[in-house]
Amino acid sequence: MAKDLETLVAKEIEKGSTPLIFDSLIVPEEGLREIDSRDRLLNVLQYLLRVKEHKKLIWNDTLSANNVYMDVFLGKTDFHRASLITGREEIYQHINWYGGKLKPDYNGKTVIETCICAFSIAEEELEKCRKIYEGKEAYAFYLGKNQIRNLYADCLEYRKNMAGDEGKVQAAPEKYRELFRLNDDYIRAVLFQCLLLDDLKIEEGMVFANLYTIYLLK
C-alpha cells in the first residue's frame, strides 16, 4: 500500500480500529453461479445491499458501515460505504437503473462470483472483539475508513493476480475459465460488486469475509 495510506491506516488502528490484515483469497468450486432471471437478480441485489426483506440482516449499524459497495450514478462508477438504509436503497435504485441500461442476458450470461477473503488478527485483539448478542457469541469489528479502503484494494489486487496464475485458472470450472482470467474479450461488464464486512466468519483465529461480483458476459 502507498506510504501515505499506510500511515493513515496505522493512525486509525492506534485510535481503536480492529487491526485486521489481509492474508489471501480463494474462489471456491461453488463460487461461480449463474443468475437465471431478473427476479433472481433483484433478490441477490437486495440481499447484498441488505434492503427490502433482507434489511433485517443489519443488526448493528457500526458493522454495516464496514461494507464497501459499488455504485453507479449518472453513468459514473464509484465505491463507497452506506451504513444507513436510505443510502443502501439509493444504491439499489442506481444499480437497477444500470442493469436496465445494460440489459442482462439470463441465458448463462449473468454470473455472480463469490470470493472468500481471509484476514489475520492477533488472538488477543480478536478476543477484544468478542461479544454476546441475544445470548449468542458474536464479534463486533470497528474498521476505519482508510483501513476499509485498503482491505478492499488488497482483495481486488489479489483477485487480479489470481487471474494470471495458470494453475489457479485450470483449477476453475472449465466453462468459467475465461471469466476466472478476467478476460475482457469474455466479460461485457461488471454490474455490481461489494465486500461485505458486516458478516464476518471466525475460524481457527482467522477472519473471513465475502467479496461478491456480478459479471455480464458477452
Protein backbone atom coordinates (compact mmCIF):
# COMPACT_ATOMS: atom_id res chain seq x y z
CA MET A 1 0.00 0.00 0.00
CA ALA A 2 1.13 3.57 -0.60
CA LYS A 3 3.14 5.03 2.25
CA ASP A 4 0.64 7.82 2.94
CA LEU A 5 -2.25 5.34 3.13
CA GLU A 6 -0.17 3.08 5.34
CA THR A 7 0.32 5.99 7.73
CA LEU A 8 -3.40 6.79 7.77
CA VAL A 9 -4.29 3.16 8.47
CA ALA A 10 -1.73 2.98 11.29
CA LYS A 11 -3.28 6.08 12.88
CA GLU A 12 -6.77 4.56 12.69
CA ILE A 13 -5.55 1.39 14.38
CA GLU A 14 -3.88 3.47 17.10
CA LYS A 15 -7.27 5.11 17.72
CA GLY A 16 -9.01 1.75 18.12
CA SER A 17 -9.71 0.28 14.70
CA THR A 18 -9.62 -3.53 14.67
CA PRO A 19 -6.16 -4.49 13.30
CA LEU A 20 -7.24 -6.86 10.53
CA ILE A 21 -4.59 -7.65 7.92
CA PHE A 22 -5.42 -9.11 4.50
CA ASP A 23 -3.98 -12.59 4.09
CA SER A 24 -5.34 -14.32 0.98
CA LEU A 25 -8.39 -15.04 -1.17
CA ILE A 26 -9.94 -18.07 -2.82
CA VAL A 27 -12.73 -18.68 -5.31
CA PRO A 28 -14.31 -21.95 -4.11
CA GLU A 29 -15.62 -24.52 -6.56
CA GLU A 30 -19.18 -23.36 -5.92
CA GLY A 31 -18.12 -19.69 -6.06
CA LEU A 32 -19.34 -19.13 -9.63
CA ARG A 33 -23.08 -19.34 -10.20
CA GLU A 34 -25.48 -18.22 -12.90
CA ILE A 35 -28.32 -15.81 -12.22
CA ASP A 36 -31.11 -17.07 -14.45
CA SER A 37 -33.84 -14.43 -14.13
CA ARG A 38 -34.48 -10.78 -13.34
CA ASP A 39 -36.36 -11.76 -10.18
CA ARG A 40 -33.35 -13.75 -9.02
CA LEU A 41 -31.02 -10.85 -9.79
CA LEU A 42 -33.17 -8.42 -7.81
CA ASN A 43 -33.26 -10.80 -4.86
CA VAL A 44 -29.47 -11.17 -4.94
CA LEU A 45 -29.01 -7.38 -5.04
CA GLN A 46 -31.48 -6.91 -2.18
CA TYR A 47 -29.58 -9.47 -0.12
CA LEU A 48 -26.17 -7.94 -0.82
CA LEU A 49 -27.40 -4.43 -0.07
CA ARG A 50 -29.49 -5.53 2.94
CA VAL A 51 -32.68 -3.83 1.66
CA LYS A 52 -36.34 -4.85 1.32
CA GLU A 53 -36.97 -8.07 3.26
CA HIS A 54 -33.23 -8.53 3.79
CA LYS A 55 -32.78 -5.31 5.81
CA LYS A 56 -33.28 -7.39 8.96
CA LEU A 57 -29.76 -8.75 8.34
CA ILE A 58 -28.45 -5.47 9.72
CA TRP A 59 -28.39 -5.74 13.50
CA ASN A 60 -25.61 -3.25 14.13
CA ASP A 61 -25.14 -0.04 12.11
CA THR A 62 -21.45 0.05 13.03
CA LEU A 63 -20.97 -3.30 11.28
CA SER A 64 -22.97 -2.32 8.19
CA ALA A 65 -20.81 0.79 7.86
CA ASN A 66 -17.87 -1.51 7.17
CA ASN A 67 -19.33 -2.76 3.88
CA VAL A 68 -17.99 -1.45 0.56
CA TYR A 69 -20.46 -1.17 -2.32
CA MET A 70 -20.17 -0.39 -6.00
CA ASP A 71 -22.47 2.45 -7.00
CA VAL A 72 -23.33 3.90 -10.40
CA PHE A 73 -24.83 7.37 -10.57
CA LEU A 74 -25.33 9.27 -13.81
CA GLY A 75 -23.03 6.80 -15.53
CA LYS A 76 -20.16 7.29 -13.06
CA THR A 77 -18.91 4.25 -11.13
CA ASP A 78 -17.77 4.69 -7.54
CA PHE A 79 -17.18 2.54 -4.45
CA HIS A 80 -18.24 3.68 -1.01
CA ARG A 81 -19.88 2.68 2.25
CA ALA A 82 -23.54 3.13 3.15
CA SER A 83 -24.42 2.39 6.75
CA LEU A 84 -27.95 3.79 6.63
CA ILE A 85 -30.84 2.01 4.91
CA THR A 86 -31.53 5.13 2.84
CA GLY A 87 -28.04 5.03 1.35
CA ARG A 88 -28.27 1.34 0.51
CA GLU A 89 -31.69 1.81 -1.07
CA GLU A 90 -30.28 4.58 -3.26
CA ILE A 91 -27.50 2.27 -4.45
CA TYR A 92 -30.12 -0.42 -5.14
CA GLN A 93 -32.08 2.00 -7.33
CA HIS A 94 -28.92 3.11 -9.14
CA ILE A 95 -27.87 -0.48 -9.89
CA ASN A 96 -31.40 -1.25 -11.10
CA TRP A 97 -31.07 1.68 -13.49
CA TYR A 98 -27.63 0.49 -14.58
CA GLY A 99 -28.94 -3.04 -15.13
CA GLY A 100 -31.78 -1.70 -17.24
CA LYS A 101 -29.24 0.12 -19.38
CA LEU A 102 -27.00 -2.95 -19.79
CA LYS A 103 -29.89 -5.42 -20.30
CA PRO A 104 -28.51 -8.60 -18.64
CA ASP A 105 -28.82 -11.85 -20.58
CA TYR A 106 -30.12 -14.56 -18.25
CA ASN A 107 -29.21 -17.43 -20.57
CA GLY A 108 -25.91 -18.26 -18.90
CA LYS A 109 -24.51 -14.74 -19.36
CA THR A 110 -25.13 -13.29 -15.90
CA VAL A 111 -22.81 -14.79 -13.28
CA ILE A 112 -22.09 -14.00 -9.65
CA GLU A 113 -18.64 -14.78 -8.29
CA THR A 114 -18.17 -15.24 -4.53
CA CYS A 115 -14.59 -14.87 -3.33
CA ILE A 116 -13.71 -15.79 0.25
CA CYS A 117 -11.25 -13.26 1.66
CA ALA A 118 -9.11 -14.24 4.65
CA PHE A 119 -7.76 -11.75 7.19
CA SER A 120 -5.35 -12.36 10.04
CA ILE A 121 -5.58 -10.86 13.52
CA ALA A 122 -3.70 -11.40 16.77
CA GLU A 123 -5.51 -13.67 19.23
CA GLU A 124 -5.66 -11.01 21.95
CA GLU A 125 -7.12 -8.48 19.51
CA LEU A 126 -9.74 -10.96 18.34
CA GLU A 127 -10.77 -11.59 21.94
CA LYS A 128 -11.43 -7.85 22.39
CA CYS A 129 -13.99 -8.06 19.57
CA ARG A 130 -15.96 -10.94 21.07
CA LYS A 131 -19.44 -10.00 22.29
CA ILE A 132 -22.58 -11.75 23.48
CA TYR A 133 -25.63 -10.80 21.41
CA GLU A 134 -29.05 -12.23 22.35
CA GLY A 135 -27.31 -14.94 24.34
CA LYS A 136 -25.03 -15.98 21.49
CA GLU A 137 -21.36 -15.35 20.82
CA ALA A 138 -20.74 -12.71 18.16
CA TYR A 139 -17.93 -10.43 17.07
CA ALA A 140 -18.06 -6.69 16.55
CA PHE A 141 -15.33 -5.10 14.45
CA TYR A 142 -14.68 -1.39 14.10
CA LEU A 143 -12.74 -0.51 10.96
CA GLY A 144 -11.50 2.93 9.93
CA LYS A 145 -12.42 4.31 6.51
CA ASN A 146 -8.84 4.20 5.21
CA GLN A 147 -8.37 0.72 6.64
CA ILE A 148 -11.50 -0.49 4.81
CA ARG A 149 -10.32 1.15 1.62
CA ASN A 150 -7.00 -0.64 1.94
CA LEU A 151 -8.52 -4.06 2.73
CA TYR A 152 -10.81 -3.73 -0.29
CA ALA A 153 -7.90 -2.75 -2.54
CA ASP A 154 -5.86 -5.71 -1.25
CA CYS A 155 -8.72 -8.10 -2.08
CA LEU A 156 -9.04 -6.72 -5.62
CA GLU A 157 -5.31 -6.83 -6.23
CA TYR A 158 -5.07 -10.43 -5.07
CA ARG A 159 -8.02 -11.43 -7.27
CA LYS A 160 -6.38 -9.70 -10.23
CA ASN A 161 -3.14 -11.61 -9.63
CA MET A 162 -5.05 -14.91 -9.46
CA ALA A 163 -6.29 -14.24 -12.99
CA GLY A 164 -2.71 -14.53 -14.21
CA ASP A 165 -1.96 -17.74 -12.31
CA GLU A 166 -2.49 -20.51 -14.86
CA GLY A 167 -2.56 -23.18 -12.17
CA LYS A 168 -5.48 -21.47 -10.44
CA VAL A 169 -7.19 -20.84 -13.78
CA GLN A 170 -7.03 -24.53 -14.71
CA ALA A 171 -8.48 -25.44 -11.32
CA ALA A 172 -11.58 -23.34 -12.03
CA PRO A 173 -14.67 -24.92 -13.68
CA GLU A 174 -13.92 -25.25 -17.39
CA LYS A 175 -16.91 -23.18 -18.53
CA TYR A 176 -15.77 -20.25 -16.36
CA ARG A 177 -12.03 -20.26 -17.01
CA GLU A 178 -12.12 -17.15 -19.20
CA LEU A 179 -14.15 -15.41 -16.51
CA PHE A 180 -11.60 -16.51 -13.91
CA ARG A 181 -8.92 -14.96 -16.15
CA LEU A 182 -10.93 -11.71 -16.10
CA ASN A 183 -10.73 -11.79 -19.88
CA ASP A 184 -12.10 -8.55 -21.32
CA ASP A 185 -12.98 -10.40 -24.53
CA TYR A 186 -15.30 -12.58 -22.43
CA ILE A 187 -16.65 -10.15 -19.84
CA ARG A 188 -19.04 -7.44 -21.08
CA ALA A 189 -19.39 -5.51 -17.82
CA VAL A 190 -19.37 -5.66 -14.05
CA LEU A 191 -22.93 -4.96 -12.95
CA PHE A 192 -22.22 -4.86 -9.21
CA GLN A 193 -19.53 -5.60 -6.66
CA CYS A 194 -19.31 -5.45 -2.88
CA LEU A 195 -17.15 -6.55 0.03
CA LEU A 196 -19.37 -7.46 2.99
CA LEU A 197 -17.54 -6.88 6.24
CA ASP A 198 -20.71 -7.00 8.36
CA ASP A 199 -20.92 -10.79 8.07
CA LEU A 200 -17.50 -11.96 9.20
CA LYS A 201 -16.82 -15.62 9.98
CA ILE A 202 -14.21 -16.65 12.53
CA GLU A 203 -12.37 -19.97 12.15
CA GLU A 204 -9.14 -21.03 13.83
CA GLY A 205 -8.14 -17.47 14.62
CA MET A 206 -8.70 -16.22 11.04
CA VAL A 207 -11.42 -13.82 9.92
CA PHE A 208 -13.29 -14.43 6.65
CA ALA A 209 -15.50 -12.16 4.54
CA ASN A 210 -17.03 -12.45 1.08
CA LEU A 211 -16.29 -10.35 -1.98
CA TYR A 212 -19.16 -10.57 -4.48
CA THR A 213 -19.00 -9.59 -8.16
CA ILE A 214 -21.83 -9.84 -10.69
CA TYR A 215 -20.48 -10.17 -14.23
CA LEU A 216 -22.33 -9.75 -17.50
CA LEU A 217 -20.72 -11.95 -20.16
CA LYS A 218 -20.55 -11.41 -23.91
